[in-house]
Amino acid sequence: MKTTLGYPDRQTSLRILTSGGSRPQSAALAPIITTAAIAEMSQLGQSVHVEPSVLDYIARLVEATRSAEHVRLGVSIRGALAVARSARVWAASLGRHYVVPDDVKILAIPCLAHRIVLDPESEFNGVTAIDVMVKIISEVLPPTERTA
């Protein structure tokens, strides 16, 4: 998954510059969560249910990247696994025991866009992997019914 936090504001930049970029403050931080709690949360994500229709939706999104306009190299199965795992954790963080197609839509760009290699000509013309994913998400229809 790839996300961005952006740049710090001027006040924060000045604090960083004043401290010389040293990290002694981090040594004074007290832990707010135990490693056991992190392991427990990891297991919680694995217990979230993903309907076969939602898995099929993930597969169709990934397959669409392989034949999309402007794409030289699409997303591999590892990208599909990343979406499925992320969607499970996302759903759990929202208090659900199941994944819905909207979870996949929300996570498709951060999980998949950086895995796409664009044609050099398209990239030169200003096309981005995010543009490609937005188009794919709009064209690949999510499931509307549960599968048996």
Protein backbone atom coordinates (compact mmCIF):
# COMPACT_ATOMS: atom_id res chain seq x y z
CA MET A 1 0.00 0.00 0.00
CA LYS A 2 1.24 3.47 -0.77
CA THR A 3 -0.08 6.66 0.78
CA THR A 4 1.31 10.14 1.27
CA LEU A 5 1.24 12.44 4.25
CA GLY A 6 2.27 15.52 2.32
CA TYR A 7 4.71 18.15 3.53
CA PRO A 8 4.87 19.59 7.03
CA ASP A 9 3.52 23.08 7.59
CA ARG A 10 5.94 25.94 8.23
CA GLN A 11 5.63 25.74 12.04
CA THR A 12 6.53 22.05 12.01
CA SER A 13 9.34 22.65 9.51
CA LEU A 14 10.82 25.29 11.83
CA ARG A 15 10.67 22.91 14.81
CA ILE A 16 12.47 20.24 12.78
CA LEU A 17 15.08 22.71 11.57
CA THR A 18 15.61 24.11 15.08
CA SER A 19 16.24 20.64 16.51
CA GLY A 20 18.65 19.89 13.69
CA GLY A 21 16.62 16.87 12.70
CA SER A 22 17.89 14.90 15.70
CA ARG A 23 15.78 12.09 17.06
CA PRO A 24 16.33 12.16 20.82
CA GLN A 25 12.66 12.98 21.38
CA SER A 26 11.66 9.54 20.09
CA ALA A 27 13.68 7.85 22.82
CA ALA A 28 11.44 9.49 25.41
CA LEU A 29 8.21 8.20 23.86
CA ALA A 30 6.26 5.76 25.96
CA PRO A 31 4.64 2.81 24.16
CA ILE A 32 0.88 3.09 23.82
CA ILE A 33 0.30 -0.48 22.69
CA THR A 34 1.95 -3.81 23.40
CA THR A 35 3.36 -6.19 20.82
CA ALA A 36 0.81 -8.76 22.02
CA ALA A 37 -2.02 -6.34 21.20
CA ILE A 38 -0.58 -5.81 17.71
CA ALA A 39 -0.43 -9.58 17.16
CA GLU A 40 -4.04 -9.87 18.37
CA MET A 41 -5.16 -7.14 15.94
CA SER A 42 -3.39 -8.97 13.12
CA GLN A 43 -5.42 -12.08 13.89
CA LEU A 44 -8.62 -10.04 13.98
CA GLY A 45 -8.17 -9.05 10.33
CA GLN A 46 -7.86 -12.69 9.32
CA SER A 47 -11.24 -13.50 10.86
CA VAL A 48 -13.12 -11.01 8.64
CA HIS A 49 -15.25 -12.71 5.96
CA VAL A 50 -14.87 -11.90 2.26
CA GLU A 51 -17.67 -13.10 -0.01
CA PRO A 52 -16.61 -14.93 -3.18
CA SER A 53 -18.32 -12.17 -5.19
CA VAL A 54 -16.09 -9.56 -3.54
CA LEU A 55 -13.01 -11.67 -4.23
CA ASP A 56 -14.15 -11.91 -7.84
CA TYR A 57 -14.49 -8.12 -7.91
CA ILE A 58 -10.90 -7.76 -6.69
CA ALA A 59 -9.74 -10.22 -9.36
CA ARG A 60 -11.62 -8.33 -12.08
CA LEU A 61 -10.11 -5.00 -10.98
CA VAL A 62 -6.62 -6.48 -11.09
CA GLU A 63 -7.23 -8.14 -14.46
CA ALA A 64 -8.48 -4.83 -15.86
CA THR A 65 -5.13 -3.21 -15.04
CA ARG A 66 -3.41 -5.70 -17.34
CA SER A 67 -5.31 -4.62 -20.43
CA ALA A 68 -6.00 -0.98 -19.58
CA GLU A 69 -5.09 1.80 -21.95
CA HIS A 70 -1.76 3.44 -21.07
CA VAL A 71 -0.54 0.41 -19.07
CA ARG A 72 2.62 -1.43 -19.97
CA LEU A 73 2.57 -3.80 -16.99
CA GLY A 74 -0.51 -4.45 -14.86
CA VAL A 75 -0.96 -5.61 -11.30
CA SER A 76 0.12 -9.10 -10.23
CA ILE A 77 -1.69 -11.49 -7.90
CA ARG A 78 0.31 -9.99 -5.03
CA GLY A 79 -1.59 -6.75 -5.57
CA ALA A 80 -4.90 -8.62 -5.41
CA LEU A 81 -3.79 -10.22 -2.14
CA ALA A 82 -2.86 -6.79 -0.78
CA VAL A 83 -6.35 -5.46 -1.55
CA ALA A 84 -8.03 -8.47 0.07
CA ARG A 85 -5.89 -8.24 3.23
CA SER A 86 -6.32 -4.48 3.47
CA ALA A 87 -10.07 -4.74 3.00
CA ARG A 88 -10.31 -7.26 5.84
CA VAL A 89 -8.42 -4.96 8.19
CA TRP A 90 -10.40 -1.93 6.99
CA ALA A 91 -13.70 -3.69 7.67
CA ALA A 92 -12.52 -4.81 11.11
CA SER A 93 -11.43 -1.25 11.94
CA LEU A 94 -15.01 -0.17 11.15
CA GLY A 95 -16.40 -2.85 13.46
CA ARG A 96 -17.59 -5.19 10.70
CA HIS A 97 -16.96 -8.90 10.37
CA TYR A 98 -17.34 -8.81 6.59
CA VAL A 99 -15.95 -6.89 3.61
CA VAL A 100 -18.21 -4.90 1.27
CA PRO A 101 -17.40 -3.78 -2.28
CA ASP A 102 -17.03 -0.16 -1.13
CA ASP A 103 -14.11 -1.25 1.08
CA VAL A 104 -12.39 -2.53 -2.06
CA LYS A 105 -13.15 0.69 -3.94
CA ILE A 106 -11.65 2.80 -1.15
CA LEU A 107 -8.47 0.71 -1.02
CA ALA A 108 -7.95 -0.03 -4.71
CA ILE A 109 -5.95 3.11 -5.47
CA PRO A 110 -3.56 3.00 -2.48
CA CYS A 111 -3.08 -0.76 -2.91
CA LEU A 112 -2.83 -1.00 -6.69
CA ALA A 113 -1.87 2.28 -8.39
CA HIS A 114 1.81 2.13 -7.44
CA ARG A 115 2.01 -1.41 -8.85
CA ILE A 116 1.12 -0.28 -12.38
CA VAL A 117 3.85 0.48 -14.91
CA LEU A 118 2.63 2.99 -17.49
CA ASP A 119 3.63 3.23 -21.13
CA PRO A 120 6.42 5.82 -21.32
CA GLU A 121 4.51 7.86 -23.92
CA SER A 122 1.40 8.01 -21.71
CA GLU A 123 3.45 8.97 -18.69
CA PHE A 124 5.17 11.68 -20.74
CA ASN A 125 1.70 12.98 -21.70
CA GLY A 126 0.75 13.35 -18.04
CA VAL A 127 -1.27 10.18 -17.48
CA THR A 128 -0.84 8.83 -13.94
CA ALA A 129 -1.44 5.40 -12.47
CA ILE A 130 -4.11 7.00 -10.28
CA ASP A 131 -5.90 8.21 -13.42
CA VAL A 132 -5.84 4.67 -14.76
CA MET A 133 -7.19 3.22 -11.50
CA VAL A 134 -9.98 5.81 -11.28
CA LYS A 135 -11.11 4.80 -14.77
CA ILE A 136 -10.91 1.07 -13.97
CA ILE A 137 -12.88 1.50 -10.74
CA SER A 138 -15.58 3.37 -12.64
CA GLU A 139 -15.78 0.70 -15.36
CA VAL A 140 -15.52 -2.55 -13.41
CA LEU A 141 -18.88 -3.07 -11.78
CA PRO A 142 -18.95 -4.20 -8.16
CA PRO A 143 -21.09 -7.15 -7.13
CA THR A 144 -24.65 -6.33 -6.19
CA GLU A 145 -25.64 -9.72 -4.78
CA ARG A 146 -24.07 -12.32 -2.58
CA THR A 147 -22.98 -15.55 -4.22
CA ALA A 148 -23.94 -18.89 -2.81
